[in-house]
Amino acid sequence: MANVLSGDDMNLAAMIKKSGMSHAELARRSGLSRGGLYLWLQRAAGDGKASTAQRVAAALGVTVEELLKAKGKR
């Protein structure tokens, strides 16, 4: 079964919206502060710690590759 949050045409904002989570909830599930999540979201796709990308991807239920691909689509 395909992951409903992944897709070639989906950007990160659409991925988060489709998850049904607020940024506050995504931050909580990722173990980040809301400010930390905000800063990570503002950076380019390859910027930031790999561990942060792993935590956000796990919270969204997608792979890091899917997350970074979506993050690169603005």
PDB file of N, CA and C in Angstrom:
ATOM      1  N   MET A   1       0.829  -1.174   0.000  1.00  0.00           N
ATOM      2  CA  MET A   1       0.000   0.000   0.000  1.00  0.00           C
ATOM      3  C   MET A   1       0.876   1.241   0.000  1.00  0.00           C
ATOM      4  N   ALA A   2       0.596   2.189  -0.869  1.00  0.00           N
ATOM      5  CA  ALA A   2       1.383   3.414  -0.980  1.00  0.00           C
ATOM      6  C   ALA A   2       1.110   4.327   0.207  1.00  0.00           C
ATOM      7  N   ASN A   3       2.116   5.081   0.563  1.00  0.00           N
ATOM      8  CA  ASN A   3       1.976   6.044   1.644  1.00  0.00           C
ATOM      9  C   ASN A   3       1.160   7.223   1.142  1.00  0.00           C
ATOM     10  N   VAL A   4       0.071   7.556   1.809  1.00  0.00           N
ATOM     11  CA  VAL A   4      -0.802   8.629   1.352  1.00  0.00           C
ATOM     12  C   VAL A   4      -0.163  10.004   1.516  1.00  0.00           C
ATOM     13  N   LEU A   5       0.891  10.111   2.306  1.00  0.00           N
ATOM     14  CA  LEU A   5       1.543  11.398   2.494  1.00  0.00           C
ATOM     15  C   LEU A   5       2.665  11.640   1.514  1.00  0.00           C
ATOM     16  N   SER A   6       3.018  10.655   0.718  1.00  0.00           N
ATOM     17  CA  SER A   6       4.093  10.845  -0.244  1.00  0.00           C
ATOM     18  C   SER A   6       3.505  11.043  -1.628  1.00  0.00           C
ATOM     19  N   GLY A   7       4.292  11.569  -2.483  1.00  0.00           N
ATOM     20  CA  GLY A   7       3.860  11.773  -3.848  1.00  0.00           C
ATOM     21  C   GLY A   7       4.822  12.705  -4.545  1.00  0.00           C
ATOM     22  N   ASP A   8       5.016  12.479  -5.823  1.00  0.00           N
ATOM     23  CA  ASP A   8       5.992  13.259  -6.575  1.00  0.00           C
ATOM     24  C   ASP A   8       5.650  14.734  -6.648  1.00  0.00           C
ATOM     25  N   ASP A   9       4.371  15.072  -6.597  1.00  0.00           N
ATOM     26  CA  ASP A   9       3.987  16.464  -6.757  1.00  0.00           C
ATOM     27  C   ASP A   9       3.698  17.165  -5.435  1.00  0.00           C
ATOM     28  N   MET A  10       3.910  16.517  -4.318  1.00  0.00           N
ATOM     29  CA  MET A  10       3.539  17.078  -3.016  1.00  0.00           C
ATOM     30  C   MET A  10       4.706  17.860  -2.414  1.00  0.00           C
ATOM     31  N   ASN A  11       4.431  19.113  -2.011  1.00  0.00           N
ATOM     32  CA  ASN A  11       5.443  19.872  -1.288  1.00  0.00           C
ATOM     33  C   ASN A  11       5.258  19.631   0.206  1.00  0.00           C
ATOM     34  N   LEU A  12       6.159  20.157   0.995  1.00  0.00           N
ATOM     35  CA  LEU A  12       6.140  19.876   2.433  1.00  0.00           C
ATOM     36  C   LEU A  12       4.892  20.440   3.107  1.00  0.00           C
ATOM     37  N   ALA A  13       4.470  21.628   2.713  1.00  0.00           N
ATOM     38  CA  ALA A  13       3.266  22.217   3.313  1.00  0.00           C
ATOM     39  C   ALA A  13       2.058  21.323   3.056  1.00  0.00           C
ATOM     40  N   ALA A  14       1.948  20.799   1.841  1.00  0.00           N
ATOM     41  CA  ALA A  14       0.835  19.907   1.505  1.00  0.00           C
ATOM     42  C   ALA A  14       0.942  18.603   2.285  1.00  0.00           C
ATOM     43  N   MET A  15       2.170  18.114   2.477  1.00  0.00           N
ATOM     44  CA  MET A  15       2.383  16.881   3.223  1.00  0.00           C
ATOM     45  C   MET A  15       1.935  17.047   4.681  1.00  0.00           C
ATOM     46  N   ILE A  16       2.302  18.182   5.279  1.00  0.00           N
ATOM     47  CA  ILE A  16       1.909  18.440   6.669  1.00  0.00           C
ATOM     48  C   ILE A  16       0.399  18.605   6.767  1.00  0.00           C
ATOM     49  N   LYS A  17      -0.177  19.351   5.835  1.00  0.00           N
ATOM     50  CA  LYS A  17      -1.630  19.554   5.845  1.00  0.00           C
ATOM     51  C   LYS A  17      -2.366  18.227   5.708  1.00  0.00           C
ATOM     52  N   LYS A  18      -1.899  17.387   4.802  1.00  0.00           N
ATOM     53  CA  LYS A  18      -2.554  16.097   4.584  1.00  0.00           C
ATOM     54  C   LYS A  18      -2.434  15.182   5.804  1.00  0.00           C
ATOM     55  N   SER A  19      -1.388  15.393   6.606  1.00  0.00           N
ATOM     56  CA  SER A  19      -1.219  14.575   7.814  1.00  0.00           C
ATOM     57  C   SER A  19      -2.281  14.908   8.861  1.00  0.00           C
ATOM     58  N   GLY A  20      -2.859  16.110   8.751  1.00  0.00           N
ATOM     59  CA  GLY A  20      -3.868  16.536   9.713  1.00  0.00           C
ATOM     60  C   GLY A  20      -3.276  17.100  10.993  1.00  0.00           C
ATOM     61  N   MET A  21      -1.943  17.213  11.040  1.00  0.00           N
ATOM     62  CA  MET A  21      -1.280  17.728  12.236  1.00  0.00           C
ATOM     63  C   MET A  21      -1.036  19.223  12.109  1.00  0.00           C
ATOM     64  N   SER A  22      -1.150  19.915  13.228  1.00  0.00           N
ATOM     65  CA  SER A  22      -0.730  21.308  13.278  1.00  0.00           C
ATOM     66  C   SER A  22       0.791  21.322  13.398  1.00  0.00           C
ATOM     67  N   HIS A  23       1.381  22.492  13.192  1.00  0.00           N
ATOM     68  CA  HIS A  23       2.830  22.593  13.385  1.00  0.00           C
ATOM     69  C   HIS A  23       3.199  22.292  14.831  1.00  0.00           C
ATOM     70  N   ALA A  24       2.350  22.700  15.763  1.00  0.00           N
ATOM     71  CA  ALA A  24       2.619  22.429  17.180  1.00  0.00           C
ATOM     72  C   ALA A  24       2.627  20.926  17.446  1.00  0.00           C
ATOM     73  N   GLU A  25       1.674  20.212  16.869  1.00  0.00           N
ATOM     74  CA  GLU A  25       1.612  18.755  17.049  1.00  0.00           C
ATOM     75  C   GLU A  25       2.790  18.071  16.371  1.00  0.00           C
ATOM     76  N   LEU A  26       3.137  18.523  15.174  1.00  0.00           N
ATOM     77  CA  LEU A  26       4.286  17.945  14.470  1.00  0.00           C
ATOM     78  C   LEU A  26       5.558  18.171  15.282  1.00  0.00           C
ATOM     79  N   ALA A  27       5.718  19.358  15.830  1.00  0.00           N
ATOM     80  CA  ALA A  27       6.887  19.636  16.669  1.00  0.00           C
ATOM     81  C   ALA A  27       6.912  18.701  17.872  1.00  0.00           C
ATOM     82  N   ARG A  28       5.775  18.558  18.541  1.00  0.00           N
ATOM     83  CA  ARG A  28       5.698  17.686  19.714  1.00  0.00           C
ATOM     84  C   ARG A  28       6.063  16.252  19.357  1.00  0.00           C
ATOM     85  N   ARG A  29       5.489  15.733  18.281  1.00  0.00           N
ATOM     86  CA  ARG A  29       5.766  14.347  17.875  1.00  0.00           C
ATOM     87  C   ARG A  29       7.194  14.152  17.390  1.00  0.00           C
ATOM     88  N   SER A  30       7.810  15.239  16.925  1.00  0.00           N
ATOM     89  CA  SER A  30       9.195  15.177  16.450  1.00  0.00           C
ATOM     90  C   SER A  30      10.195  15.397  17.575  1.00  0.00           C
ATOM     91  N   GLY A  31       9.707  15.810  18.741  1.00  0.00           N
ATOM     92  CA  GLY A  31      10.605  16.101  19.852  1.00  0.00           C
ATOM     93  C   GLY A  31      11.322  17.425  19.690  1.00  0.00           C
ATOM     94  N   LEU A  32      10.721  18.345  18.946  1.00  0.00           N
ATOM     95  CA  LEU A  32      11.310  19.655  18.712  1.00  0.00           C
ATOM     96  C   LEU A  32      10.454  20.729  19.374  1.00  0.00           C
ATOM     97  N   SER A  33      11.059  21.875  19.614  1.00  0.00           N
ATOM     98  CA  SER A  33      10.252  23.022  20.026  1.00  0.00           C
ATOM     99  C   SER A  33       9.551  23.544  18.777  1.00  0.00           C
ATOM    100  N   ARG A  34       8.503  24.321  18.965  1.00  0.00           N
ATOM    101  CA  ARG A  34       7.829  24.903  17.792  1.00  0.00           C
ATOM    102  C   ARG A  34       8.786  25.817  17.046  1.00  0.00           C
ATOM    103  N   GLY A  35       9.611  26.558  17.788  1.00  0.00           N
ATOM    104  CA  GLY A  35      10.601  27.421  17.153  1.00  0.00           C
ATOM    105  C   GLY A  35      11.637  26.632  16.372  1.00  0.00           C
ATOM    106  N   GLY A  36      12.063  25.512  16.939  1.00  0.00           N
ATOM    107  CA  GLY A  36      13.028  24.650  16.250  1.00  0.00           C
ATOM    108  C   GLY A  36      12.463  24.081  14.967  1.00  0.00           C
ATOM    109  N   LEU A  37      11.201  23.662  15.005  1.00  0.00           N
ATOM    110  CA  LEU A  37      10.552  23.154  13.796  1.00  0.00           C
ATOM    111  C   LEU A  37      10.432  24.265  12.771  1.00  0.00           C
ATOM    112  N   TYR A  38      10.022  25.453  13.210  1.00  0.00           N
ATOM    113  CA  TYR A  38       9.882  26.584  12.301  1.00  0.00           C
ATOM    114  C   TYR A  38      11.208  26.872  11.598  1.00  0.00           C
ATOM    115  N   LEU A  39      12.292  26.911  12.360  1.00  0.00           N
ATOM    116  CA  LEU A  39      13.600  27.177  11.755  1.00  0.00           C
ATOM    117  C   LEU A  39      13.967  26.098  10.747  1.00  0.00           C
ATOM    118  N   TRP A  40      13.718  24.847  11.085  1.00  0.00           N
ATOM    119  CA  TRP A  40      14.031  23.749  10.178  1.00  0.00           C
ATOM    120  C   TRP A  40      13.199  23.861   8.898  1.00  0.00           C
ATOM    121  N   LEU A  41      11.935  24.212   9.034  1.00  0.00           N
ATOM    122  CA  LEU A  41      11.064  24.343   7.865  1.00  0.00           C
ATOM    123  C   LEU A  41      11.514  25.464   6.944  1.00  0.00           C
ATOM    124  N   GLN A  42      12.134  26.506   7.484  1.00  0.00           N
ATOM    125  CA  GLN A  42      12.561  27.654   6.687  1.00  0.00           C
ATOM    126  C   GLN A  42      13.864  27.403   5.930  1.00  0.00           C
ATOM    127  N   ARG A  43      14.630  26.431   6.361  1.00  0.00           N
ATOM    128  CA  ARG A  43      15.911  26.135   5.711  1.00  0.00           C
ATOM    129  C   ARG A  43      15.692  25.385   4.400  1.00  0.00           C
ATOM    130  N   ALA A  44      16.703  25.442   3.534  1.00  0.00           N
ATOM    131  CA  ALA A  44      16.664  24.696   2.279  1.00  0.00           C
ATOM    132  C   ALA A  44      16.672  23.195   2.565  1.00  0.00           C
ATOM    133  N   ALA A  45      16.291  22.411   1.593  1.00  0.00           N
ATOM    134  CA  ALA A  45      16.099  20.965   1.767  1.00  0.00           C
ATOM    135  C   ALA A  45      17.303  20.245   2.350  1.00  0.00           C
ATOM    136  N   GLY A  46      18.498  20.591   1.961  1.00  0.00           N
ATOM    137  CA  GLY A  46      19.672  19.873   2.437  1.00  0.00           C
ATOM    138  C   GLY A  46      20.290  20.439   3.695  1.00  0.00           C
ATOM    139  N   ASP A  47      19.751  21.561   4.172  1.00  0.00           N
ATOM    140  CA  ASP A  47      20.316  22.209   5.357  1.00  0.00           C
ATOM    141  C   ASP A  47      19.744  21.618   6.638  1.00  0.00           C
ATOM    142  N   GLY A  48      20.516  21.695   7.689  1.00  0.00           N
ATOM    143  CA  GLY A  48      20.051  21.219   8.988  1.00  0.00           C
ATOM    144  C   GLY A  48      20.617  19.861   9.325  1.00  0.00           C
ATOM    145  N   LYS A  49      20.330  19.439  10.525  1.00  0.00           N
ATOM    146  CA  LYS A  49      20.823  18.158  11.013  1.00  0.00           C
ATOM    147  C   LYS A  49      20.032  17.005  10.411  1.00  0.00           C
ATOM    148  N   ALA A  50      20.727  15.938  10.097  1.00  0.00           N
ATOM    149  CA  ALA A  50      20.058  14.738   9.585  1.00  0.00           C
ATOM    150  C   ALA A  50      19.107  14.170  10.627  1.00  0.00           C
ATOM    151  N   SER A  51      19.487  14.282  11.898  1.00  0.00           N
ATOM    152  CA  SER A  51      18.630  13.737  12.952  1.00  0.00           C
ATOM    153  C   SER A  51      17.293  14.463  13.013  1.00  0.00           C
ATOM    154  N   THR A  52      17.283  15.762  12.715  1.00  0.00           N
ATOM    155  CA  THR A  52      16.023  16.508  12.703  1.00  0.00           C
ATOM    156  C   THR A  52      15.141  16.012  11.575  1.00  0.00           C
ATOM    157  N   ALA A  53      15.710  15.825  10.399  1.00  0.00           N
ATOM    158  CA  ALA A  53      14.945  15.308   9.265  1.00  0.00           C
ATOM    159  C   ALA A  53      14.392  13.921   9.593  1.00  0.00           C
ATOM    160  N   GLN A  54      15.180  13.092  10.246  1.00  0.00           N
ATOM    161  CA  GLN A  54      14.725  11.753  10.619  1.00  0.00           C
ATOM    162  C   GLN A  54      13.554  11.822  11.584  1.00  0.00           C
ATOM    163  N   ARG A  55      13.618  12.730  12.542  1.00  0.00           N
ATOM    164  CA  ARG A  55      12.549  12.845  13.531  1.00  0.00           C
ATOM    165  C   ARG A  55      11.262  13.384  12.911  1.00  0.00           C
ATOM    166  N   VAL A  56      11.381  14.370  12.030  1.00  0.00           N
ATOM    167  CA  VAL A  56      10.196  14.924  11.370  1.00  0.00           C
ATOM    168  C   VAL A  56       9.593  13.878  10.440  1.00  0.00           C
ATOM    169  N   ALA A  57      10.434  13.178   9.700  1.00  0.00           N
ATOM    170  CA  ALA A  57       9.945  12.130   8.796  1.00  0.00           C
ATOM    171  C   ALA A  57       9.202  11.048   9.572  1.00  0.00           C
ATOM    172  N   ALA A  58       9.766  10.623  10.695  1.00  0.00           N
ATOM    173  CA  ALA A  58       9.111   9.590  11.506  1.00  0.00           C
ATOM    174  C   ALA A  58       7.759  10.080  12.021  1.00  0.00           C
ATOM    175  N   ALA A  59       7.693  11.346  12.441  1.00  0.00           N
ATOM    176  CA  ALA A  59       6.431  11.891  12.941  1.00  0.00           C
ATOM    177  C   ALA A  59       5.373  11.932  11.843  1.00  0.00           C
ATOM    178  N   LEU A  60       5.798  12.190  10.607  1.00  0.00           N
ATOM    179  CA  LEU A  60       4.866  12.241   9.479  1.00  0.00           C
ATOM    180  C   LEU A  60       4.598  10.858   8.880  1.00  0.00           C
ATOM    181  N   GLY A  61       5.432   9.886   9.226  1.00  0.00           N
ATOM    182  CA  GLY A  61       5.244   8.545   8.687  1.00  0.00           C
ATOM    183  C   GLY A  61       5.730   8.401   7.257  1.00  0.00           C
ATOM    184  N   VAL A  62       6.783   9.157   6.918  1.00  0.00           N
ATOM    185  CA  VAL A  62       7.367   9.079   5.577  1.00  0.00           C
ATOM    186  C   VAL A  62       8.862   8.806   5.717  1.00  0.00           C
ATOM    187  N   THR A  63       9.514   8.515   4.618  1.00  0.00           N
ATOM    188  CA  THR A  63      10.959   8.330   4.646  1.00  0.00           C
ATOM    189  C   THR A  63      11.634   9.700   4.633  1.00  0.00           C
ATOM    190  N   VAL A  64      12.893   9.736   5.036  1.00  0.00           N
ATOM    191  CA  VAL A  64      13.664  10.973   4.990  1.00  0.00           C
ATOM    192  C   VAL A  64      13.765  11.448   3.541  1.00  0.00           C
ATOM    193  N   GLU A  65      13.947  10.526   2.624  1.00  0.00           N
ATOM    194  CA  GLU A  65      14.037  10.875   1.206  1.00  0.00           C
ATOM    195  C   GLU A  65      12.761  11.565   0.729  1.00  0.00           C
ATOM    196  N   GLU A  66      11.608  11.012   1.091  1.00  0.00           N
ATOM    197  CA  GLU A  66      10.329  11.629   0.707  1.00  0.00           C
ATOM    198  C   GLU A  66      10.183  13.015   1.335  1.00  0.00           C
ATOM    199  N   LEU A  67      10.591  13.129   2.600  1.00  0.00           N
ATOM    200  CA  LEU A  67      10.495  14.396   3.311  1.00  0.00           C
ATOM    201  C   LEU A  67      11.359  15.458   2.648  1.00  0.00           C
ATOM    202  N   LEU A  68      12.610  15.134   2.375  1.00  0.00           N
ATOM    203  CA  LEU A  68      13.527  16.115   1.790  1.00  0.00           C
ATOM    204  C   LEU A  68      13.135  16.469   0.351  1.00  0.00           C
ATOM    205  N   LYS A  69      12.595  15.499  -0.362  1.00  0.00           N
ATOM    206  CA  LYS A  69      12.113  15.774  -1.719  1.00  0.00           C
ATOM    207  C   LYS A  69      10.944  16.770  -1.646  1.00  0.00           C
ATOM    208  N   ALA A  70      10.028  16.545  -0.719  1.00  0.00           N
ATOM    209  CA  ALA A  70       8.899  17.456  -0.557  1.00  0.00           C
ATOM    210  C   ALA A  70       9.360  18.820  -0.054  1.00  0.00           C
ATOM    211  N   LYS A  71      10.362  18.827   0.823  1.00  0.00           N
ATOM    212  CA  LYS A  71      10.880  20.082   1.362  1.00  0.00           C
ATOM    213  C   LYS A  71      11.531  20.916   0.283  1.00  0.00           C
ATOM    214  N   GLY A  72      12.123  20.271  -0.702  1.00  0.00           N
ATOM    215  CA  GLY A  72      12.766  20.974  -1.802  1.00  0.00           C
ATOM    216  C   GLY A  72      11.795  21.611  -2.780  1.00  0.00           C
ATOM    217  N   LYS A  73      10.538  21.241  -2.704  1.00  0.00           N
ATOM    218  CA  LYS A  73       9.501  21.802  -3.581  1.00  0.00           C
ATOM    219  C   LYS A  73       8.818  22.939  -2.857  1.00  0.00           C
ATOM    220  N   ARG A  74       9.044  24.119  -3.288  1.00  0.00           N
ATOM    221  CA  ARG A  74       8.462  25.296  -2.620  1.00  0.00           C
ATOM    222  C   ARG A  74       7.252  25.795  -3.331  1.00  0.00           C
TER     223      ARG A  74
END
